[in-house]
Full PDB file with SEQRES, HELIX, SHEET, SSBOND, CRYST1, ORIGX, SCALE, CONECT and MASTER records, all heavy atoms in Angstrom:
SEQRES   1 A   40  GLY MET VAL GLY LYS ASN SER VAL MET ASN ASN THR ILE          
SEQRES   2 A   40  GLY ASP ILE LYS ILE ASP ASN GLY PHE ALA LYS GLY GLN          
SEQRES   3 A   40  LEU LEU VAL SER GLY GLN PRO THR GLU ILE TYR MET HIS          
SEQRES   4 A   40  PHE                                                          
HELIX    1 AA1 LYS A    5  SER A    7  5                                   3    
SHEET    1 AA1 3 ASN A  11  ASP A  19  0                                        
SHEET    2 AA1 3 PHE A  22  VAL A  29 -1                                        
SHEET    3 AA1 3 GLN A  32  HIS A  39 -1                                        
CRYST1    1.000    1.000    1.000  90.00  90.00  90.00 P 1           1          
ORIGX1      1.000000  0.000000  0.000000        0.00000                         
ORIGX2      0.000000  1.000000  0.000000        0.00000                         
ORIGX3      0.000000  0.000000  1.000000        0.00000                         
SCALE1      1.000000  0.000000  0.000000        0.00000                         
SCALE2      0.000000  1.000000  0.000000        0.00000                         
SCALE3      0.000000  0.000000  1.000000        0.00000                         
ATOM      1  N   GLY A   1       4.636  19.472   0.394  1.00  0.00           N  
ATOM      2  CA  GLY A   1       4.791  19.480  -1.070  1.00  0.00           C  
ATOM      3  C   GLY A   1       5.822  18.478  -1.546  1.00  0.00           C  
ATOM      4  O   GLY A   1       6.324  18.540  -2.635  1.00  0.00           O  
ATOM      5  N   MET A   2       6.251  17.588  -0.617  1.00  0.00           N  
ATOM      6  CA  MET A   2       7.289  16.590  -1.001  1.00  0.00           C  
ATOM      7  C   MET A   2       6.735  15.452  -1.872  1.00  0.00           C  
ATOM      8  O   MET A   2       7.467  14.776  -2.480  1.00  0.00           O  
ATOM      9  CB  MET A   2       7.957  16.063   0.230  1.00  0.00           C  
ATOM     10  CG  MET A   2       8.799  17.029   0.963  1.00  0.00           C  
ATOM     11  SD  MET A   2       9.201  16.500   2.680  1.00  0.00           S  
ATOM     12  CE  MET A   2      10.046  14.945   2.337  1.00  0.00           C  
ATOM     13  N   VAL A   3       5.433  15.267  -1.799  1.00  0.00           N  
ATOM     14  CA  VAL A   3       4.773  14.286  -2.590  1.00  0.00           C  
ATOM     15  C   VAL A   3       4.289  15.159  -3.826  1.00  0.00           C  
ATOM     16  O   VAL A   3       3.289  15.932  -3.704  1.00  0.00           O  
ATOM     17  CB  VAL A   3       3.676  13.542  -1.981  1.00  0.00           C  
ATOM     18  CG1 VAL A   3       2.963  12.624  -2.960  1.00  0.00           C  
ATOM     19  CG2 VAL A   3       4.155  12.833  -0.758  1.00  0.00           C  
ATOM     20  N   GLY A   4       5.011  15.035  -4.929  1.00  0.00           N  
ATOM     21  CA  GLY A   4       4.812  16.056  -6.063  1.00  0.00           C  
ATOM     22  C   GLY A   4       3.370  16.040  -6.664  1.00  0.00           C  
ATOM     23  O   GLY A   4       2.803  15.020  -6.992  1.00  0.00           O  
ATOM     24  N   LYS A   5       2.821  17.261  -6.707  1.00  0.00           N  
ATOM     25  CA  LYS A   5       1.487  17.428  -7.352  1.00  0.00           C  
ATOM     26  C   LYS A   5       1.565  16.998  -8.834  1.00  0.00           C  
ATOM     27  O   LYS A   5       0.564  16.481  -9.352  1.00  0.00           O  
ATOM     28  CB  LYS A   5       1.025  18.846  -7.253  1.00  0.00           C  
ATOM     29  CG  LYS A   5       0.807  19.226  -5.752  1.00  0.00           C  
ATOM     30  CD  LYS A   5       0.244  20.621  -5.614  1.00  0.00           C  
ATOM     31  CE  LYS A   5       0.060  20.878  -4.121  1.00  0.00           C  
ATOM     32  NZ  LYS A   5      -0.593  22.114  -3.887  1.00  0.00           N  
ATOM     33  N   ASN A   6       2.690  17.317  -9.468  1.00  0.00           N  
ATOM     34  CA  ASN A   6       2.769  16.991 -10.914  1.00  0.00           C  
ATOM     35  C   ASN A   6       2.786  15.470 -11.093  1.00  0.00           C  
ATOM     36  O   ASN A   6       2.474  15.027 -12.180  1.00  0.00           O  
ATOM     37  CB  ASN A   6       4.036  17.610 -11.474  1.00  0.00           C  
ATOM     38  CG  ASN A   6       5.262  17.262 -10.722  1.00  0.00           C  
ATOM     39  OD1 ASN A   6       5.222  16.664  -9.692  1.00  0.00           O  
ATOM     40  ND2 ASN A   6       6.472  17.578 -11.341  1.00  0.00           N  
ATOM     41  N   SER A   7       2.984  14.703 -10.067  1.00  0.00           N  
ATOM     42  CA  SER A   7       2.963  13.260 -10.138  1.00  0.00           C  
ATOM     43  C   SER A   7       1.501  12.731 -10.276  1.00  0.00           C  
ATOM     44  O   SER A   7       1.228  11.522 -10.600  1.00  0.00           O  
ATOM     45  CB  SER A   7       3.671  12.535  -8.967  1.00  0.00           C  
ATOM     46  OG  SER A   7       2.945  12.708  -7.778  1.00  0.00           O  
ATOM     47  N   VAL A   8       0.571  13.587  -9.900  1.00  0.00           N  
ATOM     48  CA  VAL A   8      -0.873  13.148  -9.978  1.00  0.00           C  
ATOM     49  C   VAL A   8      -1.741  14.057 -10.884  1.00  0.00           C  
ATOM     50  O   VAL A   8      -2.763  13.647 -11.370  1.00  0.00           O  
ATOM     51  CB  VAL A   8      -1.535  13.102  -8.659  1.00  0.00           C  
ATOM     52  CG1 VAL A   8      -0.909  11.950  -7.763  1.00  0.00           C  
ATOM     53  CG2 VAL A   8      -1.527  14.401  -7.889  1.00  0.00           C  
ATOM     54  N   MET A   9      -1.269  15.290 -11.124  1.00  0.00           N  
ATOM     55  CA  MET A   9      -2.142  16.339 -11.696  1.00  0.00           C  
ATOM     56  C   MET A   9      -2.912  15.852 -12.933  1.00  0.00           C  
ATOM     57  O   MET A   9      -4.167  15.979 -12.991  1.00  0.00           O  
ATOM     58  CB  MET A   9      -1.366  17.558 -12.066  1.00  0.00           C  
ATOM     59  CG  MET A   9      -2.245  18.715 -12.238  1.00  0.00           C  
ATOM     60  SD  MET A   9      -1.385  20.311 -12.277  1.00  0.00           S  
ATOM     61  CE  MET A   9      -0.365  20.331 -10.849  1.00  0.00           C  
ATOM     62  N   ASN A  10      -2.215  15.324 -13.972  1.00  0.00           N  
ATOM     63  CA  ASN A  10      -2.957  14.988 -15.195  1.00  0.00           C  
ATOM     64  C   ASN A  10      -3.165  13.464 -15.263  1.00  0.00           C  
ATOM     65  O   ASN A  10      -3.430  12.928 -16.335  1.00  0.00           O  
ATOM     66  CB  ASN A  10      -2.102  15.446 -16.409  1.00  0.00           C  
ATOM     67  CG  ASN A  10      -1.894  16.915 -16.353  1.00  0.00           C  
ATOM     68  OD1 ASN A  10      -2.873  17.696 -16.167  1.00  0.00           O  
ATOM     69  ND2 ASN A  10      -0.681  17.339 -16.542  1.00  0.00           N  
ATOM     70  N   ASN A  11      -3.037  12.774 -14.140  1.00  0.00           N  
ATOM     71  CA  ASN A  11      -3.191  11.344 -14.168  1.00  0.00           C  
ATOM     72  C   ASN A  11      -4.542  10.826 -13.794  1.00  0.00           C  
ATOM     73  O   ASN A  11      -5.207  11.309 -12.902  1.00  0.00           O  
ATOM     74  CB  ASN A  11      -2.077  10.747 -13.207  1.00  0.00           C  
ATOM     75  CG  ASN A  11      -0.685  11.071 -13.607  1.00  0.00           C  
ATOM     76  OD1 ASN A  11      -0.477  11.754 -14.610  1.00  0.00           O  
ATOM     77  ND2 ASN A  11       0.297  10.671 -12.847  1.00  0.00           N  
ATOM     78  N   THR A  12      -4.953   9.720 -14.448  1.00  0.00           N  
ATOM     79  CA  THR A  12      -6.128   8.984 -14.103  1.00  0.00           C  
ATOM     80  C   THR A  12      -5.765   7.483 -14.296  1.00  0.00           C  
ATOM     81  O   THR A  12      -4.695   7.187 -14.734  1.00  0.00           O  
ATOM     82  CB  THR A  12      -7.291   9.348 -15.041  1.00  0.00           C  
ATOM     83  OG1 THR A  12      -6.808   9.260 -16.382  1.00  0.00           O  
ATOM     84  CG2 THR A  12      -7.857  10.684 -14.716  1.00  0.00           C  
ATOM     85  N   ILE A  13      -6.692   6.664 -13.814  1.00  0.00           N  
ATOM     86  CA  ILE A  13      -6.499   5.191 -13.915  1.00  0.00           C  
ATOM     87  C   ILE A  13      -7.364   4.690 -15.095  1.00  0.00           C  
ATOM     88  O   ILE A  13      -8.567   4.987 -15.169  1.00  0.00           O  
ATOM     89  CB  ILE A  13      -6.874   4.538 -12.636  1.00  0.00           C  
ATOM     90  CG1 ILE A  13      -6.004   4.965 -11.472  1.00  0.00           C  
ATOM     91  CG2 ILE A  13      -6.801   2.958 -12.772  1.00  0.00           C  
ATOM     92  CD1 ILE A  13      -4.473   4.530 -11.646  1.00  0.00           C  
ATOM     93  N   GLY A  14      -6.782   3.963 -15.989  1.00  0.00           N  
ATOM     94  CA  GLY A  14      -7.463   3.437 -17.131  1.00  0.00           C  
ATOM     95  C   GLY A  14      -7.854   2.016 -16.874  1.00  0.00           C  
ATOM     96  O   GLY A  14      -8.565   1.665 -15.916  1.00  0.00           O  
ATOM     97  N   ASP A  15      -7.316   1.039 -17.664  1.00  0.00           N  
ATOM     98  CA  ASP A  15      -7.625  -0.362 -17.643  1.00  0.00           C  
ATOM     99  C   ASP A  15      -7.217  -0.917 -16.239  1.00  0.00           C  
ATOM    100  O   ASP A  15      -6.150  -0.685 -15.712  1.00  0.00           O  
ATOM    101  CB  ASP A  15      -6.839  -1.062 -18.730  1.00  0.00           C  
ATOM    102  CG  ASP A  15      -7.223  -2.447 -18.866  1.00  0.00           C  
ATOM    103  OD1 ASP A  15      -8.492  -2.759 -18.747  1.00  0.00           O  
ATOM    104  OD2 ASP A  15      -6.356  -3.354 -19.056  1.00  0.00           O  
ATOM    105  N   ILE A  16      -8.151  -1.677 -15.632  1.00  0.00           N  
ATOM    106  CA  ILE A  16      -7.861  -2.316 -14.263  1.00  0.00           C  
ATOM    107  C   ILE A  16      -7.960  -3.827 -14.419  1.00  0.00           C  
ATOM    108  O   ILE A  16      -9.021  -4.311 -14.923  1.00  0.00           O  
ATOM    109  CB  ILE A  16      -8.839  -1.720 -13.255  1.00  0.00           C  
ATOM    110  CG1 ILE A  16      -8.654  -0.177 -13.082  1.00  0.00           C  
ATOM    111  CG2 ILE A  16      -8.704  -2.428 -11.888  1.00  0.00           C  
ATOM    112  CD1 ILE A  16      -9.728   0.473 -12.277  1.00  0.00           C  
ATOM    113  N   LYS A  17      -7.027  -4.500 -13.802  1.00  0.00           N  
ATOM    114  CA  LYS A  17      -7.132  -5.900 -13.683  1.00  0.00           C  
ATOM    115  C   LYS A  17      -7.223  -6.280 -12.229  1.00  0.00           C  
ATOM    116  O   LYS A  17      -6.331  -5.858 -11.458  1.00  0.00           O  
ATOM    117  CB  LYS A  17      -5.892  -6.647 -14.339  1.00  0.00           C  
ATOM    118  CG  LYS A  17      -5.893  -6.481 -15.866  1.00  0.00           C  
ATOM    119  CD  LYS A  17      -4.601  -7.146 -16.465  1.00  0.00           C  
ATOM    120  CE  LYS A  17      -4.674  -7.077 -17.939  1.00  0.00           C  
ATOM    121  NZ  LYS A  17      -4.765  -5.732 -18.499  1.00  0.00           N  
ATOM    122  N   ILE A  18      -8.192  -7.076 -11.835  1.00  0.00           N  
ATOM    123  CA  ILE A  18      -8.357  -7.468 -10.382  1.00  0.00           C  
ATOM    124  C   ILE A  18      -8.061  -8.918 -10.213  1.00  0.00           C  
ATOM    125  O   ILE A  18      -8.569  -9.760 -10.987  1.00  0.00           O  
ATOM    126  CB  ILE A  18      -9.763  -7.054  -9.956  1.00  0.00           C  
ATOM    127  CG1 ILE A  18     -10.009  -5.599 -10.079  1.00  0.00           C  
ATOM    128  CG2 ILE A  18      -9.979  -7.463  -8.448  1.00  0.00           C  
ATOM    129  CD1 ILE A  18     -11.411  -5.177  -9.804  1.00  0.00           C  
ATOM    130  N   ASP A  19      -7.339  -9.246  -9.150  1.00  0.00           N  
ATOM    131  CA  ASP A  19      -7.113 -10.605  -8.807  1.00  0.00           C  
ATOM    132  C   ASP A  19      -7.270 -10.722  -7.308  1.00  0.00           C  
ATOM    133  O   ASP A  19      -6.372 -10.376  -6.483  1.00  0.00           O  
ATOM    134  CB  ASP A  19      -5.588 -10.990  -9.199  1.00  0.00           C  
ATOM    135  CG  ASP A  19      -5.346 -12.473  -8.890  1.00  0.00           C  
ATOM    136  OD1 ASP A  19      -6.301 -13.171  -8.567  1.00  0.00           O  
ATOM    137  OD2 ASP A  19      -4.164 -12.854  -9.068  1.00  0.00           O  
ATOM    138  N   ASN A  20      -8.455 -11.228  -6.907  1.00  0.00           N  
ATOM    139  CA  ASN A  20      -8.825 -11.256  -5.408  1.00  0.00           C  
ATOM    140  C   ASN A  20      -8.632  -9.854  -4.860  1.00  0.00           C  
ATOM    141  O   ASN A  20      -9.316  -8.976  -5.314  1.00  0.00           O  
ATOM    142  CB  ASN A  20      -8.019 -12.308  -4.737  1.00  0.00           C  
ATOM    143  CG  ASN A  20      -8.431 -13.745  -5.164  1.00  0.00           C  
ATOM    144  OD1 ASN A  20      -9.568 -13.929  -5.457  1.00  0.00           O  
ATOM    145  ND2 ASN A  20      -7.509 -14.665  -5.239  1.00  0.00           N  
ATOM    146  N   GLY A  21      -7.817  -9.765  -3.809  1.00  0.00           N  
ATOM    147  CA  GLY A  21      -7.690  -8.493  -3.175  1.00  0.00           C  
ATOM    148  C   GLY A  21      -6.661  -7.600  -3.677  1.00  0.00           C  
ATOM    149  O   GLY A  21      -6.141  -6.649  -3.017  1.00  0.00           O  
ATOM    150  N   PHE A  22      -6.095  -7.935  -4.861  1.00  0.00           N  
ATOM    151  CA  PHE A  22      -5.092  -7.100  -5.511  1.00  0.00           C  
ATOM    152  C   PHE A  22      -5.580  -6.618  -6.866  1.00  0.00           C  
ATOM    153  O   PHE A  22      -6.233  -7.341  -7.591  1.00  0.00           O  
ATOM    154  CB  PHE A  22      -3.865  -8.015  -5.686  1.00  0.00           C  
ATOM    155  CG  PHE A  22      -2.740  -7.358  -6.574  1.00  0.00           C  
ATOM    156  CD1 PHE A  22      -2.019  -6.302  -6.069  1.00  0.00           C  
ATOM    157  CD2 PHE A  22      -2.538  -7.784  -7.812  1.00  0.00           C  
ATOM    158  CE1 PHE A  22      -1.056  -5.730  -6.853  1.00  0.00           C  
ATOM    159  CE2 PHE A  22      -1.551  -7.263  -8.667  1.00  0.00           C  
ATOM    160  CZ  PHE A  22      -0.805  -6.187  -8.117  1.00  0.00           C  
ATOM    161  N   ALA A  23      -5.121  -5.429  -7.205  1.00  0.00           N  
ATOM    162  CA  ALA A  23      -5.566  -4.885  -8.493  1.00  0.00           C  
ATOM    163  C   ALA A  23      -4.394  -4.016  -9.106  1.00  0.00           C  
ATOM    164  O   ALA A  23      -3.607  -3.428  -8.385  1.00  0.00           O  
ATOM    165  CB  ALA A  23      -6.777  -4.034  -8.423  1.00  0.00           C  
ATOM    166  N   LYS A  24      -4.360  -4.053 -10.478  1.00  0.00           N  
ATOM    167  CA  LYS A  24      -3.363  -3.222 -11.133  1.00  0.00           C  
ATOM    168  C   LYS A  24      -4.150  -2.298 -12.033  1.00  0.00           C  
ATOM    169  O   LYS A  24      -5.007  -2.767 -12.839  1.00  0.00           O  
ATOM    170  CB  LYS A  24      -2.479  -4.067 -12.057  1.00  0.00           C  
ATOM    171  CG  LYS A  24      -1.246  -4.693 -11.346  1.00  0.00           C  
ATOM    172  CD  LYS A  24      -0.382  -5.585 -12.147  1.00  0.00           C  
ATOM    173  CE  LYS A  24      -0.422  -5.563 -13.622  1.00  0.00           C  
ATOM    174  NZ  LYS A  24       0.689  -6.394 -14.210  1.00  0.00           N  
ATOM    175  N   GLY A  25      -3.897  -1.005 -11.897  1.00  0.00           N  
ATOM    176  CA  GLY A  25      -4.551  -0.029 -12.796  1.00  0.00           C  
ATOM    177  C   GLY A  25      -3.574   0.726 -13.618  1.00  0.00           C  
ATOM    178  O   GLY A  25      -2.506   1.204 -13.176  1.00  0.00           O  
ATOM    179  N   GLN A  26      -3.869   0.696 -14.923  1.00  0.00           N  
ATOM    180  CA  GLN A  26      -2.958   1.402 -15.857  1.00  0.00           C  
ATOM    181  C   GLN A  26      -3.016   2.897 -15.614  1.00  0.00           C  
ATOM    182  O   GLN A  26      -4.107   3.498 -15.595  1.00  0.00           O  
ATOM    183  CB  GLN A  26      -3.297   1.021 -17.322  1.00  0.00           C  
ATOM    184  CG  GLN A  26      -2.204   1.540 -18.297  1.00  0.00           C  
ATOM    185  CD  GLN A  26      -2.513   1.051 -19.754  1.00  0.00           C  
ATOM    186  OE1 GLN A  26      -3.609   0.800 -20.110  1.00  0.00           O  
ATOM    187  NE2 GLN A  26      -1.451   0.896 -20.523  1.00  0.00           N  
ATOM    188  N   LEU A  27      -1.885   3.475 -15.576  1.00  0.00           N  
ATOM    189  CA  LEU A  27      -1.809   4.967 -15.353  1.00  0.00           C  
ATOM    190  C   LEU A  27      -1.960   5.648 -16.715  1.00  0.00           C  
ATOM    191  O   LEU A  27      -1.232   5.316 -17.658  1.00  0.00           O  
ATOM    192  CB  LEU A  27      -0.472   5.344 -14.790  1.00  0.00           C  
ATOM    193  CG  LEU A  27      -0.382   6.721 -14.143  1.00  0.00           C  
ATOM    194  CD1 LEU A  27      -1.349   6.840 -12.904  1.00  0.00           C  
ATOM    195  CD2 LEU A  27       1.089   7.021 -13.675  1.00  0.00           C  
ATOM    196  N   LEU A  28      -2.889   6.542 -16.767  1.00  0.00           N  
ATOM    197  CA  LEU A  28      -3.093   7.402 -17.985  1.00  0.00           C  
ATOM    198  C   LEU A  28      -2.599   8.774 -17.588  1.00  0.00           C  
ATOM    199  O   LEU A  28      -2.880   9.350 -16.593  1.00  0.00           O  
ATOM    200  CB  LEU A  28      -4.588   7.505 -18.330  1.00  0.00           C  
ATOM    201  CG  LEU A  28      -5.368   6.185 -18.508  1.00  0.00           C  
ATOM    202  CD1 LEU A  28      -6.786   6.494 -18.962  1.00  0.00           C  
ATOM    203  CD2 LEU A  28      -4.693   5.253 -19.581  1.00  0.00           C  
ATOM    204  N   VAL A  29      -1.785   9.324 -18.556  1.00  0.00           N  
ATOM    205  CA  VAL A  29      -1.351  10.738 -18.387  1.00  0.00           C  
ATOM    206  C   VAL A  29      -1.987  11.617 -19.441  1.00  0.00           C  
ATOM    207  O   VAL A  29      -1.763  11.298 -20.647  1.00  0.00           O  
ATOM    208  CB  VAL A  29       0.225  10.787 -18.348  1.00  0.00           C  
ATOM    209  CG1 VAL A  29       0.665  12.270 -18.277  1.00  0.00           C  
ATOM    210  CG2 VAL A  29       0.825   9.957 -17.220  1.00  0.00           C  
ATOM    211  N   SER A  30      -2.731  12.555 -19.047  1.00  0.00           N  
ATOM    212  CA  SER A  30      -3.577  13.339 -19.961  1.00  0.00           C  
ATOM    213  C   SER A  30      -4.284  12.473 -20.936  1.00  0.00           C  
ATOM    214  O   SER A  30      -4.381  12.735 -22.136  1.00  0.00           O  
ATOM    215  CB  SER A  30      -2.552  14.293 -20.752  1.00  0.00           C  
ATOM    216  OG  SER A  30      -1.826  15.087 -19.904  1.00  0.00           O  
ATOM    217  N   GLY A  31      -4.879  11.364 -20.387  1.00  0.00           N  
ATOM    218  CA  GLY A  31      -5.718  10.506 -21.159  1.00  0.00           C  
ATOM    219  C   GLY A  31      -4.964   9.435 -21.981  1.00  0.00           C  
ATOM    220  O   GLY A  31      -5.559   8.545 -22.558  1.00  0.00           O  
ATOM    221  N   GLN A  32      -3.586   9.523 -22.024  1.00  0.00           N  
ATOM    222  CA  GLN A  32      -2.810   8.616 -22.826  1.00  0.00           C  
ATOM    223  C   GLN A  32      -2.293   7.484 -21.967  1.00  0.00           C  
ATOM    224  O   GLN A  32      -1.736   7.766 -20.888  1.00  0.00           O  
ATOM    225  CB  GLN A  32      -1.625   9.370 -23.476  1.00  0.00           C  
ATOM    226  CG  GLN A  32      -2.036  10.464 -24.525  1.00  0.00           C  
ATOM    227  CD  GLN A  32      -2.929   9.875 -25.543  1.00  0.00           C  
ATOM    228  OE1 GLN A  32      -2.586   8.851 -26.208  1.00  0.00           O  
ATOM    229  NE2 GLN A  32      -4.030  10.553 -25.829  1.00  0.00           N  
ATOM    230  N   PRO A  33      -2.463   6.252 -22.389  1.00  0.00           N  
ATOM    231  CA  PRO A  33      -1.976   5.162 -21.638  1.00  0.00           C  
ATOM    232  C   PRO A  33      -0.445   5.126 -21.460  1.00  0.00           C  
ATOM    233  O   PRO A  33       0.240   5.514 -22.434  1.00  0.00           O  
ATOM    234  CB  PRO A  33      -2.418   3.869 -22.344  1.00  0.00           C  
ATOM    235  CG  PRO A  33      -3.113   4.320 -23.548  1.00  0.00           C  
ATOM    236  CD  PRO A  33      -3.145   5.847 -23.602  1.00  0.00           C  
ATOM    237  N   THR A  34       0.062   4.733 -20.332  1.00  0.00           N  
ATOM    238  CA  THR A  34       1.491   4.632 -20.166  1.00  0.00           C  
ATOM    239  C   THR A  34       1.805   3.171 -19.884  1.00  0.00           C  
ATOM    240  O   THR A  34       0.869   2.296 -19.769  1.00  0.00           O  
ATOM    241  CB  THR A  34       1.984   5.489 -18.899  1.00  0.00           C  
ATOM    242  OG1 THR A  34       1.378   4.926 -17.731  1.00  0.00           O  
ATOM    243  CG2 THR A  34       1.529   6.917 -19.024  1.00  0.00           C  
ATOM    244  N   GLU A  35       3.088   2.833 -19.718  1.00  0.00           N  
ATOM    245  CA  GLU A  35       3.478   1.503 -19.349  1.00  0.00           C  
ATOM    246  C   GLU A  35       3.439   1.243 -17.821  1.00  0.00           C  
ATOM    247  O   GLU A  35       3.811   0.205 -17.339  1.00  0.00           O  
ATOM    248  CB  GLU A  35       4.841   1.183 -19.917  1.00  0.00           C  
ATOM    249  CG  GLU A  35       4.879   1.013 -21.435  1.00  0.00           C  
ATOM    250  CD  GLU A  35       6.203   0.774 -21.975  1.00  0.00           C  
ATOM    251  OE1 GLU A  35       7.160   0.657 -21.240  1.00  0.00           O  
ATOM    252  OE2 GLU A  35       6.343   0.711 -23.261  1.00  0.00           O  
ATOM    253  N   ILE A  36       3.054   2.268 -17.099  1.00  0.00           N  
ATOM    254  CA  ILE A  36       3.021   2.217 -15.592  1.00  0.00           C  
ATOM    255  C   ILE A  36       1.670   1.766 -15.135  1.00  0.00           C  
ATOM    256  O   ILE A  36       0.681   2.175 -15.562  1.00  0.00           O  
ATOM    257  CB  ILE A  36       3.398   3.649 -15.088  1.00  0.00           C  
ATOM    258  CG1 ILE A  36       4.740   4.151 -15.565  1.00  0.00           C  
ATOM    259  CG2 ILE A  36       3.338   3.640 -13.534  1.00  0.00           C  
ATOM    260  CD1 ILE A  36       4.920   5.565 -15.244  1.00  0.00           C  
ATOM    261  N   TYR A  37       1.802   0.798 -14.124  1.00  0.00           N  
ATOM    262  CA  TYR A  37       0.645   0.276 -13.442  1.00  0.00           C  
ATOM    263  C   TYR A  37       0.715   0.582 -12.017  1.00  0.00           C  
ATOM    264  O   TYR A  37       1.725   0.359 -11.376  1.00  0.00           O  
ATOM    265  CB  TYR A  37       0.521  -1.201 -13.677  1.00  0.00           C  
ATOM    266  CG  TYR A  37      -0.038  -1.614 -15.039  1.00  0.00           C  
ATOM    267  CD1 TYR A  37       0.773  -1.691 -16.116  1.00  0.00           C  
ATOM    268  CD2 TYR A  37      -1.413  -1.857 -15.237  1.00  0.00           C  
ATOM    269  CE1 TYR A  37       0.304  -1.995 -17.368  1.00  0.00           C  
ATOM    270  CE2 TYR A  37      -1.897  -2.132 -16.522  1.00  0.00           C  
ATOM    271  CZ  TYR A  37      -1.033  -2.195 -17.562  1.00  0.00           C  
ATOM    272  OH  TYR A  37      -1.506  -2.544 -18.810  1.00  0.00           O  
ATOM    273  N   MET A  38      -0.338   1.225 -11.470  1.00  0.00           N  
ATOM    274  CA  MET A  38      -0.410   1.492 -10.002  1.00  0.00           C  
ATOM    275  C   MET A  38      -1.042   0.176  -9.405  1.00  0.00           C  
ATOM    276  O   MET A  38      -1.839  -0.412  -9.952  1.00  0.00           O  
ATOM    277  CB  MET A  38      -1.364   2.594  -9.670  1.00  0.00           C  
ATOM    278  CG  MET A  38      -1.040   3.949 -10.318  1.00  0.00           C  
ATOM    279  SD  MET A  38       0.204   4.878  -9.443  1.00  0.00           S  
ATOM    280  CE  MET A  38      -0.471   5.168  -7.847  1.00  0.00           C  
ATOM    281  N   HIS A  39      -0.519  -0.148  -8.224  1.00  0.00           N  
ATOM    282  CA  HIS A  39      -1.043  -1.313  -7.473  1.00  0.00           C  
ATOM    283  C   HIS A  39      -2.030  -0.856  -6.405  1.00  0.00           C  
ATOM    284  O   HIS A  39      -1.853   0.117  -5.760  1.00  0.00           O  
ATOM    285  CB  HIS A  39       0.113  -2.083  -6.806  1.00  0.00           C  
ATOM    286  CG  HIS A  39       1.028  -2.767  -7.887  1.00  0.00           C  
ATOM    287  ND1 HIS A  39       2.067  -3.549  -7.470  1.00  0.00           N  
ATOM    288  CD2 HIS A  39       1.017  -2.760  -9.220  1.00  0.00           C  
ATOM    289  CE1 HIS A  39       2.659  -4.020  -8.575  1.00  0.00           C  
ATOM    290  NE2 HIS A  39       2.049  -3.519  -9.664  1.00  0.00           N  
ATOM    291  N   PHE A  40      -3.048  -1.687  -6.267  1.00  0.00           N  
ATOM    292  CA  PHE A  40      -4.073  -1.373  -5.232  1.00  0.00           C  
ATOM    293  C   PHE A  40      -4.287  -2.664  -4.457  1.00  0.00           C  
ATOM    294  O   PHE A  40      -4.294  -3.819  -5.003  1.00  0.00           O  
ATOM    295  CB  PHE A  40      -5.422  -1.018  -5.877  1.00  0.00           C  
ATOM    296  CG  PHE A  40      -5.387   0.299  -6.611  1.00  0.00           C  
ATOM    297  CD1 PHE A  40      -4.861   0.362  -7.987  1.00  0.00           C  
ATOM    298  CD2 PHE A  40      -5.719   1.553  -6.081  1.00  0.00           C  
ATOM    299  CE1 PHE A  40      -4.763   1.507  -8.722  1.00  0.00           C  
ATOM    300  CE2 PHE A  40      -5.638   2.728  -6.794  1.00  0.00           C  
ATOM    301  CZ  PHE A  40      -5.142   2.630  -8.071  1.00  0.00           C  
TER     302      PHE A  40                                                      
MASTER        0    0    0    1    3    0    0    6  301    1    0    4          
END                                                                             
């Protein structure tokens, strides 16, 4: 449980920008956009 469940529980990925083999997905918390982008 060191990787917090609350860090993912209400989160989804919204807007995604792809550049070749790299992508940035905007983190939504409870459906609301945040300023955080996850990298893929």
